[in-house]
Amino acid sequence: MRPTWLGRPIDARASFEAEGRALVDTLRGLAPSDWGRAAAGEWTVHDVAAHVLGDYYGRLGHGYRGGFADGESLEGFIHRTNQEWVELHAEDSPAALIGDLEREGGRLARQFAVADLDAAALGVSWAGIDPAPAWLDIAREFTEYWTHRQQIRYATGLGTDPEPRALGTVLDTFMRALPHTLRHTPAPTGTQVQVIADGPGGGSWTVTATAERWSLGEAPNGRPTAAVELDTETLWRVSTRAVDPADALARAHVRGEHRLAEAACRVLSIVY
C-alpha cells in the first residue's frame, strides 16, 4: 500500500524501545507531588501516564474500548473512551503505573519491530487516509507516545527533550498532515508550499498542488510559491495545538504568498 501523495515512507519501528525507556525514566524521576500536576488540558501527569498505558493495551489487542454511542463522531468516541480509561485507573499507584508501562511498552516495541510497513493498517484521520499504510500508522503511534512524554516533561519543568533523532521522526510524521491540511486551499496545479523546521531534528517538506490533491510525493521544482520557516519547538507544538496557528504564523519567517503560509500554519497532526 503506497499512497505516493504522503511522501516517502517513515520507518519508526526501532524507535519504540528507547521511547518507552525514556518515559519510564522520566516517571521514575518525579517527586510524589509531580503526579498531580496539570499536563494536558484537565489531565494530570498521572492521567497522561494512565492514558499511555491504555494506548499500549489497545495496540496489544486487550485495551478498553466500548462501541460508538448513537451519533458519536470518531473524535468524540476517542475522547470519551480515553477519558473512561483514565478514570478507571485513577487510583493506580505511580509505582504500579510505571511497572505496567515498562512491561507493556517492551511488549509493544517487540510487536512493532516485526511489523510489515506496507500492510494496510488503522486510518490516520489527520492525514486524511483510512486505511493507512502501516508505516504511517506506526509512525503516528510513535508521535503519540513522544508527545505525551513531552507533556509530562513540561508539567514538571523539564521542557522538550532535545534528543534530535526522535524529534526528527516526530516532525517528519507530523508533516504528513500537510496535504490534508491544505485540502480546502485552492491553488493552480504546480503550486508548491515549503515548510522548514530550523534546529536539531529539523528538516524541510514541500507539498505540491496536483490535479487531484495536494501531494508530498512531487519533487521540489524551483522557488516555492510560499515558504514557512519555524523553529522545531514551534512546529511540533503547533501541530499538536500546544501553540495556536496564529501565534505560529507570527513567529514564522514567511516568504512568498501569505495566504498559503497561513494555511500551512494550520497543520494539525493529532485528533483534536
Protein backbone atom coordinates (compact mmCIF):
# COMPACT_ATOMS: atom_id res chain seq x y z
CA MET A 1 0.00 0.00 0.00
CA ARG A 2 1.91 3.05 -1.31
CA PRO A 3 -0.10 6.29 -1.46
CA THR A 4 2.62 8.39 -3.05
CA TRP A 5 0.97 11.69 -2.11
CA LEU A 6 2.01 11.02 1.51
CA GLY A 7 5.68 11.14 0.52
CA ARG A 8 8.39 8.63 1.27
CA PRO A 9 7.66 6.04 3.98
CA ILE A 10 8.94 6.52 7.53
CA ASP A 11 10.32 3.58 9.49
CA ALA A 12 9.75 4.30 13.18
CA ARG A 13 9.80 0.66 14.27
CA ALA A 14 13.15 0.80 16.02
CA SER A 15 12.23 3.95 17.97
CA PHE A 16 9.72 2.48 20.42
CA GLU A 17 12.16 0.74 22.75
CA ALA A 18 14.12 3.91 23.50
CA GLU A 19 10.94 5.97 23.79
CA GLY A 20 9.45 3.54 26.28
CA ARG A 21 12.61 3.64 28.38
CA ALA A 22 12.66 7.43 28.28
CA LEU A 23 9.08 7.60 29.55
CA VAL A 24 9.75 5.18 32.39
CA ASP A 25 12.95 7.04 33.35
CA THR A 26 11.07 10.34 33.35
CA LEU A 27 8.31 8.98 35.57
CA ARG A 28 10.77 7.38 37.98
CA GLY A 29 12.44 10.73 38.42
CA LEU A 30 9.27 12.53 39.52
CA ALA A 31 8.52 13.64 43.04
CA PRO A 32 5.22 12.38 44.51
CA SER A 33 3.71 15.86 44.15
CA ASP A 34 4.54 15.93 40.42
CA TRP A 35 1.95 13.27 39.62
CA GLY A 36 -0.89 15.69 40.36
CA ARG A 37 0.41 18.49 38.17
CA ALA A 38 -1.69 19.60 35.17
CA ALA A 39 -0.19 18.15 31.99
CA ALA A 40 -2.75 18.09 29.14
CA GLY A 41 -5.97 20.05 29.46
CA GLU A 42 -7.70 18.69 32.54
CA TRP A 43 -5.44 15.66 32.69
CA THR A 44 -2.72 15.42 35.33
CA VAL A 45 0.65 13.71 34.91
CA HIS A 46 -0.95 10.61 36.44
CA ASP A 47 -3.79 10.78 33.92
CA VAL A 48 -1.41 11.09 30.96
CA ALA A 49 0.63 8.12 32.17
CA ALA A 50 -2.55 6.06 32.55
CA HIS A 51 -3.66 7.12 29.07
CA VAL A 52 -0.37 5.96 27.53
CA LEU A 53 -0.80 2.61 29.28
CA GLY A 54 -4.27 2.38 27.76
CA ASP A 55 -2.81 3.04 24.33
CA TYR A 56 -0.28 0.25 24.89
CA TYR A 57 -3.01 -2.17 25.85
CA GLY A 58 -5.10 -1.13 22.87
CA ARG A 59 -2.31 -1.73 20.39
CA LEU A 60 -1.57 -5.08 22.00
CA GLY A 61 -5.17 -6.11 21.49
CA HIS A 62 -6.57 -6.05 25.00
CA GLY A 63 -7.46 -2.42 25.60
CA TYR A 64 -10.60 -0.83 26.99
CA ARG A 65 -12.99 0.04 24.16
CA GLY A 66 -16.76 0.12 24.03
CA GLY A 67 -18.86 0.71 20.96
CA PHE A 68 -19.82 4.02 19.38
CA ALA A 69 -22.69 5.85 21.01
CA ASP A 70 -25.60 6.90 18.80
CA GLY A 71 -24.48 9.71 16.51
CA GLU A 72 -20.98 9.80 18.02
CA SER A 73 -18.12 11.04 15.83
CA LEU A 74 -14.74 9.33 15.66
CA GLU A 75 -13.22 12.21 17.63
CA GLY A 76 -15.98 12.03 20.24
CA PHE A 77 -15.58 8.27 20.57
CA ILE A 78 -11.80 8.54 21.04
CA HIS A 79 -12.04 11.33 23.61
CA ARG A 80 -14.82 9.58 25.55
CA THR A 81 -13.15 6.18 25.74
CA ASN A 82 -9.80 7.75 26.60
CA GLN A 83 -11.43 9.59 29.50
CA GLU A 84 -13.20 6.44 30.68
CA TRP A 85 -9.89 4.55 30.74
CA VAL A 86 -8.17 7.35 32.71
CA GLU A 87 -10.99 7.39 35.25
CA LEU A 88 -10.85 3.60 35.54
CA HIS A 89 -7.18 3.80 36.55
CA ALA A 90 -7.35 6.94 38.67
CA GLU A 91 -6.45 5.03 41.85
CA ASP A 92 -3.46 3.16 40.40
CA SER A 93 -0.28 3.98 42.29
CA PRO A 94 2.61 5.61 40.44
CA ALA A 95 4.71 2.50 41.08
CA ALA A 96 2.03 0.27 39.56
CA LEU A 97 1.70 2.51 36.50
CA ILE A 98 5.45 2.59 35.98
CA GLY A 99 5.71 -1.18 36.24
CA ASP A 100 2.86 -1.73 33.81
CA LEU A 101 4.24 0.84 31.36
CA GLU A 102 7.66 -0.79 31.42
CA ARG A 103 6.29 -4.28 30.84
CA GLU A 104 3.66 -3.45 28.21
CA GLY A 105 5.85 -0.89 26.47
CA GLY A 106 8.50 -3.54 25.96
CA ARG A 107 5.95 -5.94 24.54
CA LEU A 108 4.66 -3.31 22.15
CA ALA A 109 8.17 -2.37 20.99
CA ARG A 110 8.78 -6.01 20.11
CA GLN A 111 5.46 -6.20 18.26
CA PHE A 112 6.20 -3.11 16.18
CA ALA A 113 9.77 -4.27 15.45
CA VAL A 114 8.50 -7.03 13.14
CA ALA A 115 5.53 -5.18 11.60
CA ASP A 116 5.08 -5.07 7.81
CA LEU A 117 5.37 -1.40 6.84
CA ASP A 118 3.42 -1.89 3.60
CA ALA A 119 0.38 -3.57 5.14
CA ALA A 120 -2.96 -1.80 5.42
CA ALA A 121 -3.47 -0.53 8.96
CA LEU A 122 -5.56 1.80 11.09
CA GLY A 123 -6.65 5.04 9.50
CA VAL A 124 -4.88 8.30 10.30
CA SER A 125 -7.67 10.86 10.30
CA TRP A 126 -5.42 13.92 10.45
CA ALA A 127 -3.67 12.73 7.29
CA GLY A 128 -6.99 12.00 5.57
CA ILE A 129 -6.40 8.31 4.87
CA ASP A 130 -8.26 5.19 6.03
CA PRO A 131 -6.93 2.55 5.93
CA ALA A 132 -3.44 3.97 6.22
CA PRO A 133 -0.24 2.19 5.28
CA ALA A 134 1.27 0.61 8.36
CA TRP A 135 4.36 2.82 8.18
CA LEU A 136 2.19 5.89 8.81
CA ASP A 137 0.07 4.21 11.47
CA ILE A 138 3.19 3.08 13.34
CA ALA A 139 4.90 6.45 12.99
CA ARG A 140 1.71 8.17 14.18
CA GLU A 141 1.71 5.91 17.24
CA PHE A 142 5.31 6.87 17.98
CA THR A 143 4.42 10.57 17.86
CA GLU A 144 1.57 9.92 20.30
CA TYR A 145 3.88 8.48 22.95
CA TRP A 146 6.58 11.09 22.35
CA THR A 147 4.08 13.95 22.62
CA HIS A 148 2.60 12.65 25.85
CA ARG A 149 6.09 12.35 27.33
CA GLN A 150 6.75 15.99 26.42
CA GLN A 151 3.50 16.98 28.15
CA ILE A 152 4.76 15.28 31.30
CA ARG A 153 8.13 16.98 30.93
CA TYR A 154 6.51 20.39 30.50
CA ALA A 155 4.27 19.84 33.51
CA THR A 156 7.29 19.12 35.68
CA GLY A 157 9.51 21.93 34.38
CA LEU A 158 11.74 19.89 32.07
CA GLY A 159 10.73 21.22 28.63
CA THR A 160 11.07 19.39 25.33
CA ASP A 161 13.53 16.50 25.18
CA PRO A 162 16.28 17.84 22.88
CA GLU A 163 17.27 14.41 21.52
CA PRO A 164 17.21 15.16 17.77
CA ARG A 165 16.58 11.73 16.26
CA ALA A 166 13.22 11.21 17.96
CA LEU A 167 12.19 14.82 17.32
CA GLY A 168 13.13 14.42 13.65
CA THR A 169 10.91 11.35 13.34
CA VAL A 170 8.06 13.17 15.05
CA LEU A 171 8.28 16.22 12.79
CA ASP A 172 8.62 14.09 9.66
CA THR A 173 5.45 12.23 10.67
CA PHE A 174 3.55 15.37 11.66
CA MET A 175 4.23 16.97 8.28
CA ARG A 176 2.38 14.12 6.55
CA ALA A 177 -0.69 16.10 7.60
CA LEU A 178 0.14 18.89 5.15
CA PRO A 179 -1.79 17.54 2.11
CA HIS A 180 -4.90 17.06 4.25
CA THR A 181 -4.40 20.43 5.96
CA LEU A 182 -4.36 22.19 2.58
CA ARG A 183 -7.22 20.20 1.05
CA HIS A 184 -9.56 23.21 1.05
CA THR A 185 -6.88 25.68 -0.05
CA PRO A 186 -7.25 26.34 -3.79
CA ALA A 187 -4.13 26.82 -5.89
CA PRO A 188 -3.08 26.28 -9.51
CA THR A 189 -1.56 22.91 -10.35
CA GLY A 190 2.15 23.01 -9.66
CA THR A 191 1.92 25.46 -6.76
CA GLN A 192 4.40 24.47 -4.06
CA VAL A 193 4.43 25.29 -0.36
CA GLN A 194 7.56 24.59 1.66
CA VAL A 195 7.69 24.14 5.44
CA ILE A 196 11.15 24.37 7.03
CA ALA A 197 11.91 23.32 10.60
CA ASP A 198 15.01 25.09 11.86
CA GLY A 199 17.15 23.42 14.53
CA PRO A 200 18.36 19.96 15.59
CA GLY A 201 15.91 17.35 14.36
CA GLY A 202 14.55 19.75 11.76
CA GLY A 203 14.04 19.33 8.04
CA SER A 204 12.14 20.58 5.03
CA TRP A 205 8.90 19.41 3.41
CA THR A 206 7.40 20.60 0.11
CA VAL A 207 3.75 19.99 -0.72
CA THR A 208 2.56 20.44 -4.31
CA ALA A 209 -0.89 21.15 -5.73
CA THR A 210 -1.73 18.45 -8.31
CA ALA A 211 -4.87 17.92 -10.36
CA GLU A 212 -6.23 15.54 -7.71
CA ARG A 213 -4.89 16.81 -4.37
CA TRP A 214 -2.00 18.38 -2.55
CA SER A 215 0.90 15.94 -2.52
CA LEU A 216 4.19 15.36 -0.73
CA GLY A 217 5.23 12.98 -3.49
CA GLU A 218 6.27 15.57 -6.06
CA ALA A 219 9.86 16.78 -6.32
CA PRO A 220 10.51 20.44 -5.40
CA ASN A 221 10.66 22.49 -8.58
CA GLY A 222 12.46 25.80 -8.25
CA ARG A 223 11.34 28.53 -5.89
CA PRO A 224 8.22 27.60 -3.87
CA THR A 225 5.16 29.82 -4.09
CA ALA A 226 5.28 30.12 -0.31
CA ALA A 227 7.85 29.10 2.29
CA VAL A 228 7.32 28.98 6.05
CA GLU A 229 10.33 28.67 8.35
CA LEU A 230 9.72 27.81 12.01
CA ASP A 231 11.89 26.59 14.84
CA THR A 232 11.38 22.93 15.65
CA GLU A 233 9.80 23.73 19.03
CA THR A 234 7.08 25.86 17.48
CA LEU A 235 6.43 23.38 14.68
CA TRP A 236 5.81 20.34 16.87
CA ARG A 237 3.75 22.38 19.31
CA VAL A 238 1.50 23.97 16.67
CA SER A 239 0.99 20.52 15.15
CA THR A 240 -0.42 19.37 18.50
CA ARG A 241 -2.18 22.68 19.28
CA ALA A 242 0.06 23.50 22.21
CA VAL A 243 0.66 26.67 20.15
CA ASP A 244 -2.13 28.46 18.27
CA PRO A 245 -1.73 28.65 14.46
CA ALA A 246 -1.91 32.45 14.56
CA ASP A 247 0.93 32.54 17.07
CA ALA A 248 2.96 30.12 14.97
CA LEU A 249 2.46 32.31 11.92
CA ALA A 250 3.60 35.35 13.90
CA ARG A 251 6.80 33.53 14.86
CA ALA A 252 7.46 32.26 11.34
CA HIS A 253 9.75 33.65 8.69
CA VAL A 254 7.49 33.75 5.63
CA ARG A 255 8.46 34.14 2.00
CA GLY A 256 6.02 34.29 -0.88
CA GLU A 257 2.24 34.08 -0.81
CA HIS A 258 0.99 34.81 2.70
CA ARG A 259 -2.35 33.05 2.19
CA LEU A 260 -0.60 29.73 1.60
CA ALA A 261 1.79 30.25 4.51
CA GLU A 262 -1.17 30.92 6.80
CA ALA A 263 -2.86 27.72 5.62
CA ALA A 264 0.30 25.68 6.25
CA CYS A 265 0.49 27.00 9.81
CA ARG A 266 -2.90 25.40 10.47
CA VAL A 267 -1.27 21.96 10.25
CA LEU A 268 -2.84 19.57 12.74
CA SER A 269 -1.32 16.16 13.49
CA ILE A 270 -3.48 14.86 16.32
CA VAL A 271 -7.14 14.01 16.84
CA TYR A 272 -8.37 17.34 18.16
